[in-house]
Structure formats: structure tokens, C-alpha cells
């Protein structure tokens, strides 16, 4: 193998730091339950990117504009579980803000019964 001192790793091998090391071995977010369509956006990504690890800085830069959690994972080519942990960490540091998906209110059973009675009367 013909190598020099500058080439001590293979570019195609992937990231130098294993993903479990980036998240401290965590596989689930500690505080926030993020789903695939939760929107996230960075607050002052350039300033905060200097304060975090390179992998977290990449997330901040990608989130300069609102993106879903799934889009962040796709753009960075990282597993969804890792991205959820990283995004949760950045939310806790107040470097990202998020908006969860809309959840419909519980159905009004009285109204549903009236609709059903109306259909039966047709």
C-alpha cells in the first residue's frame, strides 16, 4: 500500500468519530420526543456552530432554514436516531427551536352521534 503521513484514513470509510461517540452512546433523545415531521430551525447558526462539536455544527448549519427532522437526517446522511439525539441536545442548549406536528383535538362524541343519527335518517 502506497501511503504518506497525510493519508492516515480512508475517505470512503465514513466519519472518523463513531456515531455512538458523538451522542455519548445514547440512542434516544433525553427530553424531547421528536417525530419525523417536527420542524427545527437554528438560532444564529454561525455563532453557535463555533461553540459545539463539528457534527453538531453541521446540524446547525443545515438548520439555518426550517427543516423537518427527517430532512436533516437525509441532508447529513446520518441515521434518524442519531439526528434525533443531536437535535434534542441542541434544543436543550437553546441553539435550535422546534415546532411539533399538529395534533387534532379529541373528537366530540356528542357531535359524532348527531352526525350518525342524521345519516341514518336519510
PDB file of N, CA and C in Angstrom:
ATOM      1  N   UNK A   1       0.849  -1.178   0.000  1.00  0.00           N
ATOM      2  CA  UNK A   1       0.000   0.000   0.000  1.00  0.00           C
ATOM      3  C   UNK A   1       0.885   1.227   0.000  1.00  0.00           C
ATOM      4  N   UNK A   2       0.576   2.168  -0.842  1.00  0.00           N
ATOM      5  CA  UNK A   2       1.380   3.359  -1.011  1.00  0.00           C
ATOM      6  C   UNK A   2       0.720   4.520  -0.286  1.00  0.00           C
ATOM      7  N   UNK A   3       1.176   4.833   0.913  1.00  0.00           N
ATOM      8  CA  UNK A   3       0.565   5.902   1.704  1.00  0.00           C
ATOM      9  C   UNK A   3       1.611   6.912   2.118  1.00  0.00           C
ATOM     10  N   UNK A   4       1.135   8.072   2.479  1.00  0.00           N
ATOM     11  CA  UNK A   4       2.004   9.105   3.033  1.00  0.00           C
ATOM     12  C   UNK A   4       1.519   9.414   4.439  1.00  0.00           C
ATOM     13  N   UNK A   5       2.246  10.236   5.147  1.00  0.00           N
ATOM     14  CA  UNK A   5       1.845  10.607   6.503  1.00  0.00           C
ATOM     15  C   UNK A   5       0.536  11.391   6.520  1.00  0.00           C
ATOM     16  N   UNK A   6       0.211  12.079   5.412  1.00  0.00           N
ATOM     17  CA  UNK A   6      -1.015  12.869   5.351  1.00  0.00           C
ATOM     18  C   UNK A   6      -2.254  12.003   5.163  1.00  0.00           C
ATOM     19  N   UNK A   7      -2.082  10.788   4.642  1.00  0.00           N
ATOM     20  CA  UNK A   7      -3.221   9.918   4.361  1.00  0.00           C
ATOM     21  C   UNK A   7      -3.268   8.794   5.377  1.00  0.00           C
ATOM     22  N   UNK A   8      -3.800   9.047   6.548  1.00  0.00           N
ATOM     23  CA  UNK A   8      -3.843   8.030   7.586  1.00  0.00           C
ATOM     24  C   UNK A   8      -5.224   7.428   7.762  1.00  0.00           C
ATOM     25  N   UNK A   9      -6.194   7.844   6.933  1.00  0.00           N
ATOM     26  CA  UNK A   9      -7.510   7.222   6.948  1.00  0.00           C
ATOM     27  C   UNK A   9      -8.083   7.218   5.543  1.00  0.00           C
ATOM     28  N   UNK A  10      -9.066   6.379   5.327  1.00  0.00           N
ATOM     29  CA  UNK A  10      -9.708   6.219   4.030  1.00  0.00           C
ATOM     30  C   UNK A  10     -10.940   7.114   3.973  1.00  0.00           C
ATOM     31  N   UNK A  11     -11.033   8.001   2.996  1.00  0.00           N
ATOM     32  CA  UNK A  11     -12.172   8.917   2.862  1.00  0.00           C
ATOM     33  C   UNK A  11     -13.491   8.157   2.729  1.00  0.00           C
ATOM     34  N   UNK A  12     -13.477   7.014   2.061  1.00  0.00           N
ATOM     35  CA  UNK A  12     -14.704   6.264   1.836  1.00  0.00           C
ATOM     36  C   UNK A  12     -15.156   5.489   3.066  1.00  0.00           C
ATOM     37  N   UNK A  13     -14.337   5.447   4.091  1.00  0.00           N
ATOM     38  CA  UNK A  13     -14.683   4.685   5.296  1.00  0.00           C
ATOM     39  C   UNK A  13     -15.746   5.369   6.131  1.00  0.00           C
ATOM     40  N   UNK A  14     -16.006   6.634   5.898  1.00  0.00           N
ATOM     41  CA  UNK A  14     -17.030   7.332   6.666  1.00  0.00           C
ATOM     42  C   UNK A  14     -16.415   8.239   7.712  1.00  0.00           C
ATOM     43  N   UNK A  15     -17.237   8.679   8.673  1.00  0.00           N
ATOM     44  CA  UNK A  15     -16.750   9.624   9.679  1.00  0.00           C
ATOM     45  C   UNK A  15     -15.678   9.004  10.570  1.00  0.00           C
ATOM     46  N   UNK A  16     -14.764   9.856  11.032  1.00  0.00           N
ATOM     47  CA  UNK A  16     -13.692   9.385  11.896  1.00  0.00           C
ATOM     48  C   UNK A  16     -14.192   9.040  13.286  1.00  0.00           C
ATOM     49  N   UNK A  17     -15.193   9.758  13.752  1.00  0.00           N
ATOM     50  CA  UNK A  17     -15.743   9.525  15.087  1.00  0.00           C
ATOM     51  C   UNK A  17     -16.989   8.665  14.935  1.00  0.00           C
ATOM     52  N   UNK A  18     -17.040   7.506  15.607  1.00  0.00           N
ATOM     53  CA  UNK A  18     -18.253   6.682  15.519  1.00  0.00           C
ATOM     54  C   UNK A  18     -19.466   7.452  16.026  1.00  0.00           C
ATOM     55  N   UNK A  19     -20.602   7.172  15.424  1.00  0.00           N
ATOM     56  CA  UNK A  19     -21.816   7.921  15.771  1.00  0.00           C
ATOM     57  C   UNK A  19     -22.195   7.764  17.232  1.00  0.00           C
ATOM     58  N   UNK A  20     -21.970   6.598  17.814  1.00  0.00           N
ATOM     59  CA  UNK A  20     -22.327   6.429  19.221  1.00  0.00           C
ATOM     60  C   UNK A  20     -21.463   7.297  20.125  1.00  0.00           C
ATOM     61  N   UNK A  21     -20.262   7.643  19.672  1.00  0.00           N
ATOM     62  CA  UNK A  21     -19.401   8.525  20.465  1.00  0.00           C
ATOM     63  C   UNK A  21     -19.912   9.960  20.410  1.00  0.00           C
ATOM     64  N   UNK A  22     -20.456  10.347  19.267  1.00  0.00           N
ATOM     65  CA  UNK A  22     -20.993  11.703  19.111  1.00  0.00           C
ATOM     66  C   UNK A  22     -22.155  11.926  20.068  1.00  0.00           C
ATOM     67  N   UNK A  23     -23.005  10.912  20.222  1.00  0.00           N
ATOM     68  CA  UNK A  23     -24.189  11.052  21.073  1.00  0.00           C
ATOM     69  C   UNK A  23     -23.951  10.546  22.484  1.00  0.00           C
ATOM     70  N   UNK A  24     -22.740  10.223  22.820  1.00  0.00           N
ATOM     71  CA  UNK A  24     -22.439   9.722  24.155  1.00  0.00           C
ATOM     72  C   UNK A  24     -23.042   8.348  24.417  1.00  0.00           C
ATOM     73  N   UNK A  25     -23.244   7.580  23.359  1.00  0.00           N
ATOM     74  CA  UNK A  25     -23.819   6.251  23.496  1.00  0.00           C
ATOM     75  C   UNK A  25     -25.334   6.243  23.596  1.00  0.00           C
ATOM     76  N   UNK A  26     -25.956   7.414  23.597  1.00  0.00           N
ATOM     77  CA  UNK A  26     -27.414   7.491  23.710  1.00  0.00           C
ATOM     78  C   UNK A  26     -28.072   7.158  22.375  1.00  0.00           C
ATOM     79  N   UNK A  27     -29.191   6.479  22.435  1.00  0.00           N
ATOM     80  CA  UNK A  27     -29.934   6.125  21.222  1.00  0.00           C
ATOM     81  C   UNK A  27     -31.292   6.792  21.168  1.00  0.00           C
ATOM     82  N   UNK A  28     -31.677   7.442  22.259  1.00  0.00           N
ATOM     83  CA  UNK A  28     -32.964   8.148  22.316  1.00  0.00           C
ATOM     84  C   UNK A  28     -32.748   9.543  22.881  1.00  0.00           C
ATOM     85  N   UNK A  29     -33.529  10.510  22.376  1.00  0.00           N
ATOM     86  CA  UNK A  29     -33.424  11.857  22.930  1.00  0.00           C
ATOM     87  C   UNK A  29     -33.755  11.858  24.418  1.00  0.00           C
ATOM     88  N   UNK A  30     -33.060  12.679  25.171  1.00  0.00           N
ATOM     89  CA  UNK A  30     -33.246  12.675  26.615  1.00  0.00           C
ATOM     90  C   UNK A  30     -34.525  13.375  27.054  1.00  0.00           C
ATOM     91  N   UNK A  31     -34.943  14.402  26.343  1.00  0.00           N
ATOM     92  CA  UNK A  31     -36.058  15.188  26.850  1.00  0.00           C
ATOM     93  C   UNK A  31     -37.187  15.358  25.839  1.00  0.00           C
ATOM     94  N   UNK A  32     -36.869  15.559  24.584  1.00  0.00           N
ATOM     95  CA  UNK A  32     -37.871  15.901  23.585  1.00  0.00           C
ATOM     96  C   UNK A  32     -38.210  14.691  22.731  1.00  0.00           C
ATOM     97  N   UNK A  33     -39.503  14.475  22.537  1.00  0.00           N
ATOM     98  CA  UNK A  33     -39.964  13.382  21.693  1.00  0.00           C
ATOM     99  C   UNK A  33     -40.200  13.961  20.296  1.00  0.00           C
ATOM    100  N   UNK A  34     -39.235  13.796  19.425  1.00  0.00           N
ATOM    101  CA  UNK A  34     -39.302  14.366  18.084  1.00  0.00           C
ATOM    102  C   UNK A  34     -39.776  13.317  17.098  1.00  0.00           C
ATOM    103  N   UNK A  35     -40.733  13.690  16.242  1.00  0.00           N
ATOM    104  CA  UNK A  35     -41.139  12.753  15.204  1.00  0.00           C
ATOM    105  C   UNK A  35     -40.540  13.197  13.867  1.00  0.00           C
ATOM    106  N   UNK A  36     -40.829  12.468  12.822  1.00  0.00           N
ATOM    107  CA  UNK A  36     -40.203  12.730  11.522  1.00  0.00           C
ATOM    108  C   UNK A  36     -40.538  14.098  10.946  1.00  0.00           C
ATOM    109  N   UNK A  37     -41.728  14.606  11.246  1.00  0.00           N
ATOM    110  CA  UNK A  37     -42.146  15.861  10.633  1.00  0.00           C
ATOM    111  C   UNK A  37     -42.025  17.073  11.553  1.00  0.00           C
ATOM    112  N   UNK A  38     -41.420  16.902  12.709  1.00  0.00           N
ATOM    113  CA  UNK A  38     -41.161  18.042  13.597  1.00  0.00           C
ATOM    114  C   UNK A  38     -40.216  19.004  12.880  1.00  0.00           C
ATOM    115  N   UNK A  39     -40.594  20.269  12.825  1.00  0.00           N
ATOM    116  CA  UNK A  39     -39.763  21.279  12.173  1.00  0.00           C
ATOM    117  C   UNK A  39     -38.775  21.868  13.165  1.00  0.00           C
ATOM    118  N   UNK A  40     -37.529  22.036  12.716  1.00  0.00           N
ATOM    119  CA  UNK A  40     -36.487  22.638  13.544  1.00  0.00           C
ATOM    120  C   UNK A  40     -35.797  23.739  12.757  1.00  0.00           C
ATOM    121  N   UNK A  41     -35.349  24.762  13.477  1.00  0.00           N
ATOM    122  CA  UNK A  41     -34.599  25.852  12.858  1.00  0.00           C
ATOM    123  C   UNK A  41     -33.578  26.357  13.876  1.00  0.00           C
ATOM    124  N   UNK A  42     -32.404  26.689  13.371  1.00  0.00           N
ATOM    125  CA  UNK A  42     -31.314  27.143  14.235  1.00  0.00           C
ATOM    126  C   UNK A  42     -31.462  28.619  14.569  1.00  0.00           C
ATOM    127  N   UNK A  43     -31.025  28.963  15.759  1.00  0.00           N
ATOM    128  CA  UNK A  43     -30.953  30.354  16.190  1.00  0.00           C
ATOM    129  C   UNK A  43     -29.492  30.770  16.076  1.00  0.00           C
ATOM    130  N   UNK A  44     -29.208  31.685  15.192  1.00  0.00           N
ATOM    131  CA  UNK A  44     -27.847  32.179  14.960  1.00  0.00           C
ATOM    132  C   UNK A  44     -26.857  31.019  14.748  1.00  0.00           C
ATOM    133  N   UNK A  45     -27.053  30.244  13.657  1.00  0.00           N
ATOM    134  CA  UNK A  45     -26.244  29.040  13.467  1.00  0.00           C
ATOM    135  C   UNK A  45     -24.744  29.290  13.358  1.00  0.00           C
ATOM    136  N   UNK A  46     -24.335  30.403  12.754  1.00  0.00           N
ATOM    137  CA  UNK A  46     -22.897  30.659  12.602  1.00  0.00           C
ATOM    138  C   UNK A  46     -22.211  30.878  13.948  1.00  0.00           C
ATOM    139  N   UNK A  47     -22.840  31.628  14.816  1.00  0.00           N
ATOM    140  CA  UNK A  47     -22.248  31.893  16.131  1.00  0.00           C
ATOM    141  C   UNK A  47     -22.222  30.635  16.996  1.00  0.00           C
ATOM    142  N   UNK A  48     -23.323  29.883  16.996  1.00  0.00           N
ATOM    143  CA  UNK A  48     -23.394  28.691  17.840  1.00  0.00           C
ATOM    144  C   UNK A  48     -22.558  27.546  17.288  1.00  0.00           C
ATOM    145  N   UNK A  49     -22.326  27.517  15.974  1.00  0.00           N
ATOM    146  CA  UNK A  49     -21.528  26.442  15.384  1.00  0.00           C
ATOM    147  C   UNK A  49     -20.096  26.444  15.924  1.00  0.00           C
ATOM    148  N   UNK A  50     -19.619  27.589  16.334  1.00  0.00           N
ATOM    149  CA  UNK A  50     -18.263  27.686  16.898  1.00  0.00           C
ATOM    150  C   UNK A  50     -18.178  27.128  18.323  1.00  0.00           C
ATOM    151  N   UNK A  51     -19.326  26.947  18.959  1.00  0.00           N
ATOM    152  CA  UNK A  51     -19.357  26.529  20.357  1.00  0.00           C
ATOM    153  C   UNK A  51     -19.586  25.031  20.550  1.00  0.00           C
ATOM    154  N   UNK A  52     -19.834  24.309  19.476  1.00  0.00           N
ATOM    155  CA  UNK A  52     -20.183  22.891  19.581  1.00  0.00           C
ATOM    156  C   UNK A  52     -19.229  22.019  18.775  1.00  0.00           C
ATOM    157  N   UNK A  53     -19.360  20.713  18.943  1.00  0.00           N
ATOM    158  CA  UNK A  53     -18.562  19.762  18.198  1.00  0.00           C
ATOM    159  C   UNK A  53     -18.885  19.871  16.711  1.00  0.00           C
ATOM    160  N   UNK A  54     -17.963  19.450  15.839  1.00  0.00           N
ATOM    161  CA  UNK A  54     -18.179  19.584  14.388  1.00  0.00           C
ATOM    162  C   UNK A  54     -19.460  18.922  13.884  1.00  0.00           C
ATOM    163  N   UNK A  55     -19.821  17.775  14.427  1.00  0.00           N
ATOM    164  CA  UNK A  55     -21.034  17.087  13.980  1.00  0.00           C
ATOM    165  C   UNK A  55     -22.281  17.892  14.334  1.00  0.00           C
ATOM    166  N   UNK A  56     -22.280  18.496  15.507  1.00  0.00           N
ATOM    167  CA  UNK A  56     -23.398  19.353  15.914  1.00  0.00           C
ATOM    168  C   UNK A  56     -23.411  20.644  15.094  1.00  0.00           C
ATOM    169  N   UNK A  57     -22.248  21.162  14.745  1.00  0.00           N
ATOM    170  CA  UNK A  57     -22.160  22.357  13.913  1.00  0.00           C
ATOM    171  C   UNK A  57     -22.774  22.098  12.542  1.00  0.00           C
ATOM    172  N   UNK A  58     -22.581  20.888  12.004  1.00  0.00           N
ATOM    173  CA  UNK A  58     -23.199  20.535  10.727  1.00  0.00           C
ATOM    174  C   UNK A  58     -24.720  20.590  10.817  1.00  0.00           C
ATOM    175  N   UNK A  59     -25.261  20.106  11.918  1.00  0.00           N
ATOM    176  CA  UNK A  59     -26.713  20.150  12.118  1.00  0.00           C
ATOM    177  C   UNK A  59     -27.185  21.600  12.161  1.00  0.00           C
ATOM    178  N   UNK A  60     -26.472  22.451  12.887  1.00  0.00           N
ATOM    179  CA  UNK A  60     -26.860  23.861  12.975  1.00  0.00           C
ATOM    180  C   UNK A  60     -26.834  24.534  11.608  1.00  0.00           C
ATOM    181  N   UNK A  61     -25.824  24.254  10.833  1.00  0.00           N
ATOM    182  CA  UNK A  61     -25.715  24.880   9.502  1.00  0.00           C
ATOM    183  C   UNK A  61     -26.836  24.418   8.573  1.00  0.00           C
ATOM    184  N   UNK A  62     -27.166  23.152   8.634  1.00  0.00           N
ATOM    185  CA  UNK A  62     -28.252  22.630   7.800  1.00  0.00           C
ATOM    186  C   UNK A  62     -29.586  23.244   8.221  1.00  0.00           C
ATOM    187  N   UNK A  63     -29.730  23.532   9.511  1.00  0.00           N
ATOM    188  CA  UNK A  63     -30.988  24.050  10.044  1.00  0.00           C
ATOM    189  C   UNK A  63     -31.062  25.581  10.007  1.00  0.00           C
ATOM    190  N   UNK A  64     -30.287  26.201   9.145  1.00  0.00           N
ATOM    191  CA  UNK A  64     -30.372  27.655   9.021  1.00  0.00           C
ATOM    192  C   UNK A  64     -31.779  28.072   8.578  1.00  0.00           C
ATOM    193  N   UNK A  65     -32.460  27.199   7.858  1.00  0.00           N
ATOM    194  CA  UNK A  65     -33.844  27.403   7.450  1.00  0.00           C
ATOM    195  C   UNK A  65     -34.656  26.232   8.002  1.00  0.00           C
ATOM    196  N   UNK A  66     -35.948  26.434   8.256  1.00  0.00           N
ATOM    197  CA  UNK A  66     -36.749  25.358   8.857  1.00  0.00           C
ATOM    198  C   UNK A  66     -36.735  24.079   8.016  1.00  0.00           C
ATOM    199  N   UNK A  67     -36.456  22.972   8.681  1.00  0.00           N
ATOM    200  CA  UNK A  67     -36.469  21.646   8.061  1.00  0.00           C
ATOM    201  C   UNK A  67     -37.107  20.660   9.023  1.00  0.00           C
ATOM    202  N   UNK A  68     -37.642  19.589   8.471  1.00  0.00           N
ATOM    203  CA  UNK A  68     -38.145  18.519   9.328  1.00  0.00           C
ATOM    204  C   UNK A  68     -36.965  17.689   9.817  1.00  0.00           C
ATOM    205  N   UNK A  69     -37.186  16.938  10.865  1.00  0.00           N
ATOM    206  CA  UNK A  69     -36.152  16.063  11.414  1.00  0.00           C
ATOM    207  C   UNK A  69     -35.690  15.078  10.337  1.00  0.00           C
ATOM    208  N   UNK A  70     -36.626  14.550   9.567  1.00  0.00           N
ATOM    209  CA  UNK A  70     -36.282  13.599   8.502  1.00  0.00           C
ATOM    210  C   UNK A  70     -35.400  14.253   7.440  1.00  0.00           C
ATOM    211  N   UNK A  71     -35.686  15.513   7.089  1.00  0.00           N
ATOM    212  CA  UNK A  71     -34.870  16.220   6.096  1.00  0.00           C
ATOM    213  C   UNK A  71     -33.452  16.462   6.604  1.00  0.00           C
ATOM    214  N   UNK A  72     -33.312  16.772   7.876  1.00  0.00           N
ATOM    215  CA  UNK A  72     -31.977  16.980   8.451  1.00  0.00           C
ATOM    216  C   UNK A  72     -31.176  15.685   8.352  1.00  0.00           C
ATOM    217  N   UNK A  73     -31.795  14.573   8.715  1.00  0.00           N
ATOM    218  CA  UNK A  73     -31.115  13.270   8.642  1.00  0.00           C
ATOM    219  C   UNK A  73     -30.703  12.959   7.205  1.00  0.00           C
ATOM    220  N   UNK A  74     -31.585  13.232   6.262  1.00  0.00           N
ATOM    221  CA  UNK A  74     -31.280  12.941   4.861  1.00  0.00           C
ATOM    222  C   UNK A  74     -30.157  13.828   4.329  1.00  0.00           C
ATOM    223  N   UNK A  75     -30.192  15.098   4.653  1.00  0.00           N
ATOM    224  CA  UNK A  75     -29.151  16.009   4.152  1.00  0.00           C
ATOM    225  C   UNK A  75     -27.772  15.708   4.723  1.00  0.00           C
ATOM    226  N   UNK A  76     -27.728  15.206   5.945  1.00  0.00           N
ATOM    227  CA  UNK A  76     -26.442  14.892   6.568  1.00  0.00           C
ATOM    228  C   UNK A  76     -26.056  13.423   6.414  1.00  0.00           C
ATOM    229  N   UNK A  77     -26.939  12.635   5.809  1.00  0.00           N
ATOM    230  CA  UNK A  77     -26.703  11.199   5.606  1.00  0.00           C
ATOM    231  C   UNK A  77     -26.362  10.497   6.921  1.00  0.00           C
ATOM    232  N   UNK A  78     -27.148  10.805   7.938  1.00  0.00           N
ATOM    233  CA  UNK A  78     -26.965  10.194   9.255  1.00  0.00           C
ATOM    234  C   UNK A  78     -28.248   9.476   9.655  1.00  0.00           C
ATOM    235  N   UNK A  79     -28.132   8.439  10.482  1.00  0.00           N
ATOM    236  CA  UNK A  79     -29.328   7.719  10.930  1.00  0.00           C
ATOM    237  C   UNK A  79     -30.284   8.630  11.702  1.00  0.00           C
ATOM    238  N   UNK A  80     -31.548   8.366  11.551  1.00  0.00           N
ATOM    239  CA  UNK A  80     -32.581   9.183  12.181  1.00  0.00           C
ATOM    240  C   UNK A  80     -32.445   9.215  13.699  1.00  0.00           C
ATOM    241  N   UNK A  81     -32.120   8.090  14.319  1.00  0.00           N
ATOM    242  CA  UNK A  81     -31.967   8.051  15.772  1.00  0.00           C
ATOM    243  C   UNK A  81     -30.859   8.965  16.256  1.00  0.00           C
ATOM    244  N   UNK A  82     -29.766   9.008  15.537  1.00  0.00           N
ATOM    245  CA  UNK A  82     -28.640   9.884  15.902  1.00  0.00           C
ATOM    246  C   UNK A  82     -29.046  11.344  15.762  1.00  0.00           C
ATOM    247  N   UNK A  83     -29.712  11.665  14.670  1.00  0.00           N
ATOM    248  CA  UNK A  83     -30.147  13.053  14.441  1.00  0.00           C
ATOM    249  C   UNK A  83     -31.116  13.495  15.527  1.00  0.00           C
ATOM    250  N   UNK A  84     -32.027  12.619  15.937  1.00  0.00           N
ATOM    251  CA  UNK A  84     -32.976  12.985  16.992  1.00  0.00           C
ATOM    252  C   UNK A  84     -32.257  13.318  18.291  1.00  0.00           C
ATOM    253  N   UNK A  85     -31.244  12.541  18.628  1.00  0.00           N
ATOM    254  CA  UNK A  85     -30.474  12.804  19.853  1.00  0.00           C
ATOM    255  C   UNK A  85     -29.733  14.130  19.719  1.00  0.00           C
ATOM    256  N   UNK A  86     -29.106  14.350  18.580  1.00  0.00           N
ATOM    257  CA  UNK A  86     -28.338  15.584  18.383  1.00  0.00           C
ATOM    258  C   UNK A  86     -29.247  16.811  18.396  1.00  0.00           C
ATOM    259  N   UNK A  87     -30.386  16.721  17.722  1.00  0.00           N
ATOM    260  CA  UNK A  87     -31.331  17.844  17.699  1.00  0.00           C
ATOM    261  C   UNK A  87     -31.851  18.110  19.111  1.00  0.00           C
ATOM    262  N   UNK A  88     -32.167  17.072  19.844  1.00  0.00           N
ATOM    263  CA  UNK A  88     -32.628  17.236  21.222  1.00  0.00           C
ATOM    264  C   UNK A  88     -31.572  17.947  22.074  1.00  0.00           C
ATOM    265  N   UNK A  89     -30.318  17.557  21.911  1.00  0.00           N
ATOM    266  CA  UNK A  89     -29.229  18.213  22.644  1.00  0.00           C
ATOM    267  C   UNK A  89     -29.150  19.698  22.298  1.00  0.00           C
ATOM    268  N   UNK A  90     -29.301  20.013  21.009  1.00  0.00           N
ATOM    269  CA  UNK A  90     -29.210  21.412  20.579  1.00  0.00           C
ATOM    270  C   UNK A  90     -30.415  22.223  21.047  1.00  0.00           C
ATOM    271  N   UNK A  91     -31.573  21.589  21.150  1.00  0.00           N
ATOM    272  CA  UNK A  91     -32.751  22.275  21.694  1.00  0.00           C
ATOM    273  C   UNK A  91     -32.517  22.592  23.171  1.00  0.00           C
ATOM    274  N   UNK A  92     -31.955  21.633  23.914  1.00  0.00           N
ATOM    275  CA  UNK A  92     -31.676  21.863  25.337  1.00  0.00           C
ATOM    276  C   UNK A  92     -30.695  23.011  25.540  1.00  0.00           C
ATOM    277  N   UNK A  93     -29.749  23.159  24.622  1.00  0.00           N
ATOM    278  CA  UNK A  93     -28.780  24.265  24.701  1.00  0.00           C
ATOM    279  C   UNK A  93     -29.370  25.583  24.194  1.00  0.00           C
ATOM    280  N   UNK A  94     -30.586  25.508  23.673  1.00  0.00           N
ATOM    281  CA  UNK A  94     -31.294  26.670  23.111  1.00  0.00           C
ATOM    282  C   UNK A  94     -30.620  27.193  21.837  1.00  0.00           C
ATOM    283  N   UNK A  95     -30.036  26.280  21.073  1.00  0.00           N
ATOM    284  CA  UNK A  95     -29.438  26.626  19.784  1.00  0.00           C
ATOM    285  C   UNK A  95     -30.404  26.330  18.638  1.00  0.00           C
ATOM    286  N   UNK A  96     -31.418  25.523  18.916  1.00  0.00           N
ATOM    287  CA  UNK A  96     -32.460  25.196  17.944  1.00  0.00           C
ATOM    288  C   UNK A  96     -33.811  25.428  18.601  1.00  0.00           C
ATOM    289  N   UNK A  97     -34.783  25.801  17.783  1.00  0.00           N
ATOM    290  CA  UNK A  97     -36.168  25.825  18.237  1.00  0.00           C
ATOM    291  C   UNK A  97     -36.935  24.845  17.365  1.00  0.00           C
ATOM    292  N   UNK A  98     -38.055  24.349  17.877  1.00  0.00           N
ATOM    293  CA  UNK A  98     -38.806  23.352  17.127  1.00  0.00           C
ATOM    294  C   UNK A  98     -40.289  23.591  17.243  1.00  0.00           C
ATOM    295  N   UNK A  99     -40.997  23.030  16.293  1.00  0.00           N
ATOM    296  CA  UNK A  99     -42.453  23.081  16.292  1.00  0.00           C
ATOM    297  C   UNK A  99     -42.932  21.673  15.989  1.00  0.00           C
ATOM    298  N   UNK A 100     -43.597  21.067  16.956  1.00  0.00           N
ATOM    299  CA  UNK A 100     -44.110  19.713  16.759  1.00  0.00           C
ATOM    300  C   UNK A 100     -45.270  19.734  15.790  1.00  0.00           C
ATOM    301  N   UNK A 101     -45.551  18.576  15.263  1.00  0.00           N
ATOM    302  CA  UNK A 101     -46.643  18.461  14.310  1.00  0.00           C
ATOM    303  C   UNK A 101     -47.974  18.741  14.997  1.00  0.00           C
ATOM    304  N   UNK A 102     -48.940  19.153  14.217  1.00  0.00           N
ATOM    305  CA  UNK A 102     -50.265  19.461  14.728  1.00  0.00           C
ATOM    306  C   UNK A 102     -50.959  18.181  15.140  1.00  0.00           C
ATOM    307  N   UNK A 103     -51.542  18.192  16.310  1.00  0.00           N
ATOM    308  CA  UNK A 103     -52.294  17.045  16.817  1.00  0.00           C
ATOM    309  C   UNK A 103     -53.770  17.436  16.886  1.00  0.00           C
ATOM    310  N   UNK A 104     -54.630  16.693  16.208  1.00  0.00           N
ATOM    311  CA  UNK A 104     -56.050  17.049  16.255  1.00  0.00           C
ATOM    312  C   UNK A 104     -56.626  16.845  17.653  1.00  0.00           C
ATOM    313  N   UNK A 105     -57.632  17.639  17.962  1.00  0.00           N
ATOM    314  CA  UNK A 105     -58.302  17.519  19.257  1.00  0.00           C
ATOM    315  C   UNK A 105     -59.098  16.215  19.290  1.00  0.00           C
ATOM    316  N   UNK A 106     -59.390  15.749  20.466  1.00  0.00           N
ATOM    317  CA  UNK A 106     -60.199  14.537  20.607  1.00  0.00           C
ATOM    318  C   UNK A 106     -61.583  14.787  20.009  1.00  0.00           C
ATOM    319  N   UNK A 107     -62.130  13.805  19.339  1.00  0.00           N
ATOM    320  CA  UNK A 107     -63.436  14.007  18.700  1.00  0.00           C
ATOM    321  C   UNK A 107     -64.539  14.223  19.734  1.00  0.00           C
ATOM    322  N   UNK A 108     -65.489  15.048  19.375  1.00  0.00           N
ATOM    323  CA  UNK A 108     -66.654  15.308  20.220  1.00  0.00           C
ATOM    324  C   UNK A 108     -67.658  14.179  19.964  1.00  0.00           C
ATOM    325  N   UNK A 109     -67.794  13.288  20.931  1.00  0.00           N
ATOM    326  CA  UNK A 109     -68.648  12.115  20.743  1.00  0.00           C
ATOM    327  C   UNK A 109     -70.118  12.492  20.551  1.00  0.00           C
ATOM    328  N   UNK A 110     -70.556  13.557  21.203  1.00  0.00           N
ATOM    329  CA  UNK A 110     -71.937  14.003  21.039  1.00  0.00           C
ATOM    330  C   UNK A 110     -72.182  14.439  19.593  1.00  0.00           C
ATOM    331  N   UNK A 111     -71.236  15.181  19.038  1.00  0.00           N
ATOM    332  CA  UNK A 111     -71.374  15.641  17.654  1.00  0.00           C
ATOM    333  C   UNK A 111     -71.342  14.452  16.691  1.00  0.00           C
ATOM    334  N   UNK A 112     -70.470  13.495  16.967  1.00  0.00           N
ATOM    335  CA  UNK A 112     -70.399  12.321  16.102  1.00  0.00           C
ATOM    336  C   UNK A 112     -71.702  11.527  16.133  1.00  0.00           C
ATOM    337  N   UNK A 113     -72.317  11.451  17.301  1.00  0.00           N
ATOM    338  CA  UNK A 113     -73.595  10.741  17.417  1.00  0.00           C
ATOM    339  C   UNK A 113     -74.672  11.472  16.617  1.00  0.00           C
ATOM    340  N   UNK A 114     -74.698  12.786  16.666  1.00  0.00           N
ATOM    341  CA  UNK A 114     -75.673  13.562  15.901  1.00  0.00           C
ATOM    342  C   UNK A 114     -75.478  13.360  14.404  1.00  0.00           C
ATOM    343  N   UNK A 115     -74.234  13.319  13.952  1.00  0.00           N
ATOM    344  CA  UNK A 115     -73.954  13.071  12.528  1.00  0.00           C
ATOM    345  C   UNK A 115     -74.442  11.687  12.140  1.00  0.00           C
ATOM    346  N   UNK A 116     -74.144  10.683  12.973  1.00  0.00           N
ATOM    347  CA  UNK A 116     -74.575   9.327  12.696  1.00  0.00           C
ATOM    348  C   UNK A 116     -76.099   9.234  12.649  1.00  0.00           C
ATOM    349  N   UNK A 117     -76.777   9.899  13.584  1.00  0.00           N
ATOM    350  CA  UNK A 117     -78.253   9.903  13.576  1.00  0.00           C
ATOM    351  C   UNK A 117     -78.774  10.579  12.329  1.00  0.00           C
ATOM    352  N   UNK A 118     -78.133  11.650  11.901  1.00  0.00           N
ATOM    353  CA  UNK A 118     -78.564  12.342  10.691  1.00  0.00           C
ATOM    354  C   UNK A 118     -78.401  11.480   9.449  1.00  0.00           C
ATOM    355  N   UNK A 119     -77.308  10.719   9.390  1.00  0.00           N
ATOM    356  CA  UNK A 119     -77.084   9.820   8.254  1.00  0.00           C
ATOM    357  C   UNK A 119     -78.131   8.720   8.245  1.00  0.00           C
ATOM    358  N   UNK A 120     -78.450   8.187   9.395  1.00  0.00           N
ATOM    359  CA  UNK A 120     -79.450   7.120   9.478  1.00  0.00           C
ATOM    360  C   UNK A 120     -80.840   7.623   9.056  1.00  0.00           C
ATOM    361  N   UNK A 121     -81.124   8.896   9.298  1.00  0.00           N
ATOM    362  CA  UNK A 121     -82.425   9.459   8.939  1.00  0.00           C
ATOM    363  C   UNK A 121     -82.563   9.706   7.442  1.00  0.00           C
ATOM    364  N   UNK A 122     -81.469   9.618   6.714  1.00  0.00           N
ATOM    365  CA  UNK A 122     -81.550   9.832   5.257  1.00  0.00           C
ATOM    366  C   UNK A 122     -82.223   8.695   4.629  1.00  0.00           C
TER     367      UNK A 122
END
